N, C-alpha and C. Protein backbone atom coordinates (compact mmCIF):
# COMPACT_ATOMS: atom_id res chain seq x y z
N MET A 1 -14.82 23.34 18.26
CA MET A 1 -13.85 22.63 17.19
C MET A 1 -13.65 21.32 17.23
N LEU A 2 -13.83 20.72 18.61
CA LEU A 2 -13.71 19.11 18.74
C LEU A 2 -14.78 18.33 18.08
N GLU A 3 -15.96 19.11 17.99
CA GLU A 3 -17.05 18.15 17.19
C GLU A 3 -16.81 18.49 15.78
N SER A 4 -16.34 19.72 15.26
CA SER A 4 -15.93 19.74 13.77
C SER A 4 -14.78 18.70 13.31
N TRP A 5 -13.84 18.48 14.20
CA TRP A 5 -12.80 17.68 13.93
C TRP A 5 -13.49 16.34 13.75
N LEU A 6 -14.35 15.90 14.48
CA LEU A 6 -14.93 14.65 14.77
C LEU A 6 -15.73 14.63 13.30
N ASP A 7 -16.79 15.42 13.00
CA ASP A 7 -17.47 15.50 11.87
C ASP A 7 -16.57 15.26 10.67
N PHE A 8 -15.38 15.93 10.51
CA PHE A 8 -14.44 15.91 9.37
C PHE A 8 -14.08 14.38 9.40
N HIS A 9 -13.62 13.77 10.50
CA HIS A 9 -13.42 12.33 10.21
C HIS A 9 -14.51 11.53 9.91
N ARG A 10 -15.52 11.62 10.31
CA ARG A 10 -16.51 10.88 10.06
C ARG A 10 -16.97 10.94 8.47
N ALA A 11 -17.00 12.18 8.08
CA ALA A 11 -17.19 12.33 6.54
C ALA A 11 -16.04 11.69 5.77
N THR A 12 -14.93 11.72 6.12
CA THR A 12 -13.85 10.99 5.53
C THR A 12 -14.03 9.49 5.45
N LEU A 13 -14.46 8.71 6.39
CA LEU A 13 -14.92 7.23 6.20
C LEU A 13 -15.81 6.99 5.24
N GLU A 14 -16.88 8.25 5.34
CA GLU A 14 -17.82 7.93 4.29
C GLU A 14 -17.66 8.31 2.93
N LEU A 15 -16.67 9.06 2.71
CA LEU A 15 -16.12 9.12 1.39
C LEU A 15 -15.05 8.03 0.94
N LYS A 16 -14.62 7.47 1.90
CA LYS A 16 -13.87 6.48 1.42
C LYS A 16 -14.69 4.94 0.97
N CYS A 17 -15.87 4.92 1.20
CA CYS A 17 -16.80 3.89 0.86
C CYS A 17 -17.50 4.36 -0.38
N ARG A 18 -17.66 5.68 -0.51
CA ARG A 18 -18.69 6.21 -1.66
C ARG A 18 -18.12 5.74 -3.03
N GLY A 19 -19.26 5.18 -3.80
CA GLY A 19 -19.14 4.71 -5.12
C GLY A 19 -18.56 2.95 -5.14
N LEU A 20 -18.60 2.69 -3.94
CA LEU A 20 -18.20 1.07 -3.93
C LEU A 20 -19.47 0.17 -3.70
N ASP A 21 -19.43 -1.22 -4.38
CA ASP A 21 -20.44 -1.78 -4.19
C ASP A 21 -20.22 -2.75 -2.89
N ASP A 22 -21.25 -3.59 -2.55
CA ASP A 22 -21.26 -4.35 -1.41
C ASP A 22 -20.05 -5.36 -1.66
N ALA A 23 -19.80 -5.98 -2.61
CA ALA A 23 -18.49 -6.99 -2.72
C ALA A 23 -17.46 -6.20 -2.49
N GLN A 24 -17.09 -4.96 -2.75
CA GLN A 24 -15.96 -4.28 -2.79
C GLN A 24 -15.60 -3.83 -1.28
N VAL A 25 -16.81 -3.36 -0.74
CA VAL A 25 -16.42 -2.99 0.81
C VAL A 25 -16.70 -4.39 1.68
N ARG A 26 -16.84 -5.40 1.26
CA ARG A 26 -16.59 -6.69 2.03
C ARG A 26 -14.99 -7.21 1.60
N LEU A 27 -14.53 -6.59 0.76
CA LEU A 27 -13.11 -7.41 0.39
C LEU A 27 -11.94 -7.01 1.42
N ALA A 28 -11.40 -7.80 1.98
CA ALA A 28 -10.19 -7.63 2.78
C ALA A 28 -9.04 -7.75 2.12
N SER A 29 -8.87 -6.34 1.44
CA SER A 29 -7.89 -6.14 0.47
C SER A 29 -6.40 -5.61 0.93
N ALA A 30 -6.03 -6.02 2.22
CA ALA A 30 -4.80 -5.72 2.71
C ALA A 30 -4.28 -6.85 3.57
N GLU A 31 -3.98 -7.97 2.95
CA GLU A 31 -3.98 -9.14 3.50
C GLU A 31 -2.31 -9.03 4.21
N PRO A 32 -2.39 -9.89 5.25
CA PRO A 32 -3.08 -10.76 5.80
C PRO A 32 -4.08 -10.17 6.87
N SER A 33 -4.36 -9.15 6.91
CA SER A 33 -5.52 -8.51 7.72
C SER A 33 -6.79 -9.00 7.13
N SER A 34 -7.89 -9.27 8.00
CA SER A 34 -9.28 -9.46 7.54
C SER A 34 -10.02 -8.26 7.44
N LEU A 35 -9.55 -7.30 7.85
CA LEU A 35 -10.09 -5.83 7.96
C LEU A 35 -10.91 -5.55 6.45
N THR A 36 -12.19 -4.99 6.57
CA THR A 36 -12.93 -4.34 5.57
C THR A 36 -13.55 -3.12 5.86
N LEU A 37 -13.83 -2.32 4.81
CA LEU A 37 -14.56 -1.05 4.86
C LEU A 37 -15.93 -1.38 5.51
N LEU A 38 -16.52 -2.43 5.19
CA LEU A 38 -17.89 -2.57 5.65
C LEU A 38 -17.64 -2.87 7.23
N GLY A 39 -16.59 -3.51 7.56
CA GLY A 39 -16.42 -3.90 8.93
C GLY A 39 -16.09 -2.65 9.85
N LEU A 40 -15.24 -1.76 9.13
CA LEU A 40 -15.04 -0.28 9.92
C LEU A 40 -16.18 0.46 10.05
N VAL A 41 -17.16 0.50 9.07
CA VAL A 41 -18.40 1.33 9.28
C VAL A 41 -19.24 0.71 10.66
N GLN A 42 -19.38 -0.73 10.57
CA GLN A 42 -20.07 -1.23 11.52
C GLN A 42 -19.38 -1.26 12.64
N HIS A 43 -17.94 -1.34 12.89
CA HIS A 43 -17.19 -0.94 14.01
C HIS A 43 -17.53 0.28 14.77
N LEU A 44 -17.32 1.43 13.77
CA LEU A 44 -17.65 2.71 13.96
C LEU A 44 -19.15 3.19 14.74
N ALA A 45 -19.98 2.45 14.08
CA ALA A 45 -21.45 2.56 14.80
C ALA A 45 -21.41 2.10 16.33
N GLU A 46 -20.63 0.89 16.24
CA GLU A 46 -20.74 0.41 17.69
C GLU A 46 -20.02 1.33 18.55
N VAL A 47 -18.72 1.97 18.05
CA VAL A 47 -18.03 2.95 19.00
C VAL A 47 -18.92 4.18 19.22
N GLU A 48 -19.56 4.55 18.46
CA GLU A 48 -20.61 5.85 18.50
C GLU A 48 -21.43 5.34 19.59
N ARG A 49 -22.01 4.41 19.45
CA ARG A 49 -23.31 3.89 20.44
C ARG A 49 -22.42 3.88 21.91
N ASN A 50 -21.47 3.16 21.79
CA ASN A 50 -20.91 2.81 23.34
C ASN A 50 -20.29 4.18 23.90
N TRP A 51 -19.66 4.92 23.36
CA TRP A 51 -19.29 6.13 23.92
C TRP A 51 -20.39 7.31 24.49
N PHE A 52 -21.24 7.36 23.39
CA PHE A 52 -22.44 8.38 23.82
C PHE A 52 -23.57 7.96 24.57
N GLN A 53 -24.14 6.74 24.26
CA GLN A 53 -25.21 6.28 24.68
C GLN A 53 -24.76 5.43 26.11
N ARG A 54 -23.73 4.68 26.31
CA ARG A 54 -23.46 3.83 27.28
C ARG A 54 -22.74 4.75 28.49
N VAL A 55 -21.62 5.11 27.81
CA VAL A 55 -20.78 6.12 28.81
C VAL A 55 -21.38 7.42 29.19
N LEU A 56 -21.68 8.16 28.25
CA LEU A 56 -21.93 9.57 28.57
C LEU A 56 -23.44 9.68 28.75
N ALA A 57 -24.41 8.98 28.35
CA ALA A 57 -25.95 9.06 28.91
C ALA A 57 -25.84 7.94 30.03
N GLY A 58 -25.25 7.02 30.23
CA GLY A 58 -25.53 5.92 31.17
C GLY A 58 -26.54 5.02 30.89
N LEU A 59 -26.82 4.79 29.66
CA LEU A 59 -28.02 3.91 29.12
C LEU A 59 -27.60 2.46 28.94
N ASP A 60 -28.21 1.34 29.33
CA ASP A 60 -27.97 -0.02 29.21
C ASP A 60 -28.55 -0.29 27.81
N VAL A 61 -27.80 0.03 26.70
CA VAL A 61 -28.07 -0.56 25.41
C VAL A 61 -27.36 -1.64 25.03
N PRO A 62 -27.79 -2.64 24.15
CA PRO A 62 -27.19 -3.72 23.55
C PRO A 62 -26.37 -3.33 22.55
N PRO A 63 -25.41 -4.06 22.25
CA PRO A 63 -24.53 -3.71 20.93
C PRO A 63 -25.42 -3.66 19.70
N VAL A 64 -25.08 -2.79 18.68
CA VAL A 64 -25.73 -3.11 17.48
C VAL A 64 -25.69 -4.38 16.64
N TYR A 65 -24.57 -4.88 16.84
CA TYR A 65 -24.25 -5.86 16.11
C TYR A 65 -23.90 -7.15 16.93
N GLU A 66 -24.10 -8.55 16.50
CA GLU A 66 -24.21 -9.54 17.46
C GLU A 66 -22.48 -9.54 18.05
N GLU A 67 -21.74 -9.22 17.21
CA GLU A 67 -20.43 -9.44 17.59
C GLU A 67 -20.23 -7.77 18.04
N GLU A 68 -19.97 -7.87 19.55
CA GLU A 68 -19.68 -6.44 19.82
C GLU A 68 -18.82 -5.35 19.21
N SER A 69 -17.73 -5.84 18.69
CA SER A 69 -16.75 -4.98 18.06
C SER A 69 -17.17 -4.34 16.84
N GLY A 70 -18.43 -5.24 16.00
CA GLY A 70 -18.75 -5.07 14.87
C GLY A 70 -18.17 -5.30 13.65
N TYR A 71 -16.80 -5.64 13.71
CA TYR A 71 -16.26 -6.20 12.47
C TYR A 71 -16.92 -7.36 11.72
N ALA A 72 -17.45 -8.17 12.33
CA ALA A 72 -17.92 -9.26 11.67
C ALA A 72 -18.96 -9.09 10.74
N LEU A 73 -18.92 -9.70 9.45
CA LEU A 73 -19.74 -9.64 8.37
C LEU A 73 -20.69 -10.33 8.17
N HIS A 74 -22.06 -9.95 7.86
CA HIS A 74 -23.27 -10.99 7.77
C HIS A 74 -23.68 -11.01 6.35
N PRO A 75 -23.91 -12.16 5.91
CA PRO A 75 -24.13 -12.35 4.35
C PRO A 75 -25.26 -11.45 4.37
N ASP A 76 -26.24 -10.95 5.02
CA ASP A 76 -27.49 -10.40 4.55
C ASP A 76 -27.65 -8.94 4.76
N ARG A 77 -26.28 -8.34 5.36
CA ARG A 77 -26.14 -6.86 5.47
C ARG A 77 -25.15 -6.22 4.52
N GLY A 78 -25.53 -5.24 4.06
CA GLY A 78 -24.63 -4.57 2.96
C GLY A 78 -24.33 -3.07 3.27
N LEU A 79 -23.63 -2.31 2.91
CA LEU A 79 -23.02 -1.06 2.77
C LEU A 79 -24.16 0.01 3.25
N ASP A 80 -25.34 -0.09 2.55
CA ASP A 80 -26.55 0.78 2.76
C ASP A 80 -27.16 0.78 4.33
N GLU A 81 -27.28 -0.71 4.35
CA GLU A 81 -27.94 -0.62 5.87
C GLU A 81 -26.75 -0.31 6.94
N ALA A 82 -25.57 -0.54 6.68
CA ALA A 82 -24.46 -0.35 7.50
C ALA A 82 -24.52 1.36 7.65
N LEU A 83 -24.49 2.17 6.55
CA LEU A 83 -24.31 3.40 6.89
C LEU A 83 -25.49 4.21 7.32
N THR A 84 -26.52 3.38 7.25
CA THR A 84 -28.06 4.05 7.82
C THR A 84 -27.70 3.72 9.24
N ILE A 85 -27.16 2.68 9.88
CA ILE A 85 -27.07 2.49 11.27
C ILE A 85 -26.01 3.35 11.67
N TRP A 86 -25.04 3.50 11.13
CA TRP A 86 -23.82 4.25 11.61
C TRP A 86 -24.48 5.68 11.80
N ARG A 87 -25.17 6.30 10.73
CA ARG A 87 -25.72 7.64 10.68
C ARG A 87 -26.58 7.79 11.96
N ARG A 88 -27.15 6.65 12.31
CA ARG A 88 -28.45 6.75 13.34
C ARG A 88 -27.69 6.93 14.81
N GLU A 89 -26.63 6.25 14.68
CA GLU A 89 -25.67 6.12 16.20
C GLU A 89 -25.16 7.54 16.24
N ILE A 90 -24.56 8.09 15.10
CA ILE A 90 -24.14 9.51 15.01
C ILE A 90 -25.08 10.54 15.67
N ALA A 91 -26.06 10.31 15.01
CA ALA A 91 -27.34 11.37 15.18
C ALA A 91 -27.83 11.38 16.80
N ARG A 92 -27.88 9.99 17.25
CA ARG A 92 -28.15 9.94 18.60
C ARG A 92 -27.08 10.40 19.31
N GLY A 93 -25.67 10.41 19.04
CA GLY A 93 -24.58 10.76 20.09
C GLY A 93 -24.74 12.31 19.99
N LYS A 94 -25.00 12.98 18.82
CA LYS A 94 -25.15 14.43 18.69
C LYS A 94 -26.10 14.96 19.49
N GLU A 95 -27.26 14.10 19.91
CA GLU A 95 -28.64 14.41 20.71
C GLU A 95 -28.27 14.58 21.89
N ILE A 96 -27.27 13.60 22.40
CA ILE A 96 -26.85 13.13 23.76
C ILE A 96 -25.80 14.60 24.31
N SER A 97 -24.68 14.75 23.28
CA SER A 97 -23.73 15.71 23.53
C SER A 97 -24.26 17.20 23.51
N ALA A 98 -25.25 17.31 23.06
CA ALA A 98 -25.94 18.80 22.52
C ALA A 98 -26.20 19.72 23.74
N GLY A 99 -25.69 20.60 24.12
CA GLY A 99 -26.09 21.62 25.32
C GLY A 99 -25.45 21.11 26.21
N ARG A 100 -24.38 20.09 26.21
CA ARG A 100 -23.44 19.53 27.35
C ARG A 100 -22.07 20.18 27.36
N SER A 101 -21.64 20.48 28.59
CA SER A 101 -20.41 21.20 28.66
C SER A 101 -19.32 20.09 28.57
N LEU A 102 -18.16 20.59 27.81
CA LEU A 102 -17.11 19.64 27.61
C LEU A 102 -16.64 19.30 28.89
N ASP A 103 -16.71 19.68 30.20
CA ASP A 103 -16.50 19.08 31.25
C ASP A 103 -17.42 18.06 31.86
N ASP A 104 -18.67 17.94 31.13
CA ASP A 104 -19.78 17.05 31.70
C ASP A 104 -19.19 15.81 31.69
N THR A 105 -19.52 14.74 32.52
CA THR A 105 -18.91 13.23 32.43
C THR A 105 -19.77 12.29 32.64
N GLY A 106 -19.03 10.97 32.26
CA GLY A 106 -19.73 9.68 32.27
C GLY A 106 -18.77 8.99 32.80
N ARG A 107 -19.20 7.85 32.87
CA ARG A 107 -18.18 6.35 33.52
C ARG A 107 -18.17 5.47 32.46
N LEU A 108 -17.07 4.98 32.55
CA LEU A 108 -16.76 3.74 31.63
C LEU A 108 -17.36 2.75 32.19
N VAL A 109 -17.95 1.84 31.25
CA VAL A 109 -19.05 0.74 31.78
C VAL A 109 -18.30 -0.69 31.69
N ASP A 110 -17.21 -0.96 30.97
CA ASP A 110 -16.47 -2.21 30.98
C ASP A 110 -15.33 -2.20 30.59
N GLY A 111 -14.58 -3.23 31.05
CA GLY A 111 -13.10 -3.41 30.68
C GLY A 111 -12.24 -3.11 31.95
N PRO A 112 -11.19 -2.91 31.76
CA PRO A 112 -10.25 -2.89 32.91
C PRO A 112 -10.53 -1.25 33.61
N LEU A 113 -11.06 -0.52 32.94
CA LEU A 113 -11.19 0.59 33.51
C LEU A 113 -12.67 1.23 33.85
N THR A 114 -13.38 -0.10 34.25
CA THR A 114 -14.69 0.18 34.72
C THR A 114 -15.04 1.14 35.95
N GLY A 115 -15.86 2.19 35.51
CA GLY A 115 -16.15 3.18 36.48
C GLY A 115 -15.19 4.36 36.74
N VAL A 116 -14.22 4.43 35.58
CA VAL A 116 -13.41 5.60 35.52
C VAL A 116 -14.36 6.57 34.73
N GLU A 117 -14.28 7.85 35.57
CA GLU A 117 -14.84 8.91 35.04
C GLU A 117 -14.03 9.50 33.74
N VAL A 118 -14.94 9.69 32.69
CA VAL A 118 -14.51 10.77 31.53
C VAL A 118 -15.27 12.00 31.35
N SER A 119 -14.56 12.84 30.70
CA SER A 119 -15.52 14.09 30.18
C SER A 119 -15.93 13.84 28.84
N LEU A 120 -16.74 14.74 28.39
CA LEU A 120 -17.17 14.66 27.02
C LEU A 120 -15.88 15.14 26.31
N ARG A 121 -15.52 16.15 26.59
CA ARG A 121 -13.90 16.77 26.13
C ARG A 121 -13.17 15.27 25.70
N TRP A 122 -12.73 14.53 26.77
CA TRP A 122 -12.16 13.14 26.65
C TRP A 122 -12.60 12.04 25.65
N VAL A 123 -14.08 12.25 25.48
CA VAL A 123 -14.87 11.31 24.54
C VAL A 123 -14.56 11.78 23.29
N LEU A 124 -14.60 13.26 23.06
CA LEU A 124 -14.44 13.78 21.71
C LEU A 124 -12.99 13.39 21.29
N ILE A 125 -12.05 13.81 22.12
CA ILE A 125 -10.58 13.67 21.46
C ILE A 125 -10.18 12.23 21.34
N HIS A 126 -10.92 11.20 21.98
CA HIS A 126 -10.94 9.69 21.89
C HIS A 126 -11.29 9.26 20.40
N LEU A 127 -12.62 9.60 20.24
CA LEU A 127 -13.31 9.52 18.97
C LEU A 127 -12.48 10.07 17.82
N ILE A 128 -11.97 11.22 17.83
CA ILE A 128 -11.28 11.72 16.89
C ILE A 128 -10.00 10.93 16.65
N GLU A 129 -9.52 10.58 17.50
CA GLU A 129 -7.96 9.53 17.37
C GLU A 129 -8.64 8.36 16.92
N GLU A 130 -9.70 7.76 17.26
CA GLU A 130 -10.14 6.36 16.67
C GLU A 130 -10.54 6.63 15.40
N TYR A 131 -11.21 7.46 15.02
CA TYR A 131 -11.47 7.65 13.59
C TYR A 131 -10.40 8.03 12.57
N ALA A 132 -9.32 8.89 13.12
CA ALA A 132 -8.11 9.03 12.50
C ALA A 132 -7.37 8.06 12.11
N ARG A 133 -7.21 6.88 13.27
CA ARG A 133 -6.43 5.67 13.18
C ARG A 133 -7.45 4.91 11.92
N HIS A 134 -8.49 4.58 12.07
CA HIS A 134 -9.25 3.76 11.24
C HIS A 134 -9.42 4.48 9.84
N ASN A 135 -9.44 5.74 9.80
CA ASN A 135 -9.72 6.40 8.14
C ASN A 135 -8.00 5.73 7.51
N GLY A 136 -6.90 6.02 8.42
CA GLY A 136 -5.68 5.54 7.82
C GLY A 136 -6.01 3.91 7.30
N HIS A 137 -6.48 3.19 8.03
CA HIS A 137 -6.80 1.83 7.64
C HIS A 137 -7.83 1.72 6.32
N ALA A 138 -8.63 2.69 6.32
CA ALA A 138 -9.70 2.78 5.16
C ALA A 138 -8.79 3.37 3.79
N ASP A 139 -7.92 4.32 4.06
CA ASP A 139 -7.12 4.77 3.22
C ASP A 139 -6.45 3.52 2.43
N ILE A 140 -5.72 2.45 2.99
CA ILE A 140 -5.14 1.66 2.42
C ILE A 140 -6.13 0.61 1.89
N LEU A 141 -7.13 0.12 2.52
CA LEU A 141 -8.26 -0.61 1.89
C LEU A 141 -8.72 -0.16 0.68
N ARG A 142 -9.27 1.21 0.65
CA ARG A 142 -9.73 1.67 -0.67
C ARG A 142 -8.53 1.64 -1.70
N GLU A 143 -7.46 2.19 -1.66
CA GLU A 143 -6.45 2.22 -2.40
C GLU A 143 -6.03 0.73 -3.11
N ARG A 144 -6.27 -0.12 -2.16
CA ARG A 144 -6.01 -1.50 -2.59
C ARG A 144 -7.39 -2.40 -3.53
N ILE A 145 -8.32 -1.46 -3.35
CA ILE A 145 -9.61 -2.05 -3.88
C ILE A 145 -9.62 -1.36 -5.30
N ASP A 146 -9.45 -0.04 -5.47
CA ASP A 146 -9.52 0.32 -6.62
C ASP A 146 -8.70 1.47 -7.15
N GLY A 147 -7.65 1.83 -6.30
CA GLY A 147 -6.40 2.68 -6.60
C GLY A 147 -6.91 4.10 -6.31
N VAL A 148 -8.08 4.35 -5.50
CA VAL A 148 -8.43 5.73 -5.15
C VAL A 148 -7.72 6.13 -4.11
N THR A 149 -7.25 7.40 -4.08
CA THR A 149 -6.39 7.82 -2.97
C THR A 149 -7.11 9.17 -2.40
N GLY A 150 -6.82 9.70 -1.42
CA GLY A 150 -6.77 10.99 -0.80
C GLY A 150 -8.45 11.02 -0.11
N THR A 151 -8.64 12.19 0.41
CA THR A 151 -9.98 12.16 1.24
C THR A 151 -11.09 12.63 0.23
């Protein structure tokens, strides 16, 4: 059930970007925030990589983007590339979690809680929460770009 809810929120993010061009997904449409739909997709690719590869699998992988949060926009990167990278990170995360028990654990690798053990269940719940929060941001950004609302 947790994987299904996470997939629902992943699909919602993609729907929020559907039909928009690169200029639109780069638009910080909810001033004074500099948040963009493209930045959200990039950030969530970083989130996927961090929690599945670094925390659960214990891999020493670099960030996807130069700025570790992923929010910074690069003039040569657009939505198609960002979605491809995001989907790749999702697929890798699914490979890592496949066949694992929800009680399997990994360790936080940075920040004030470095070394704290978390379960796959905890990671999935955290990602559902993170996507839900950012999908709320995406709702506002999309509505301000072209008036589209809903999932």
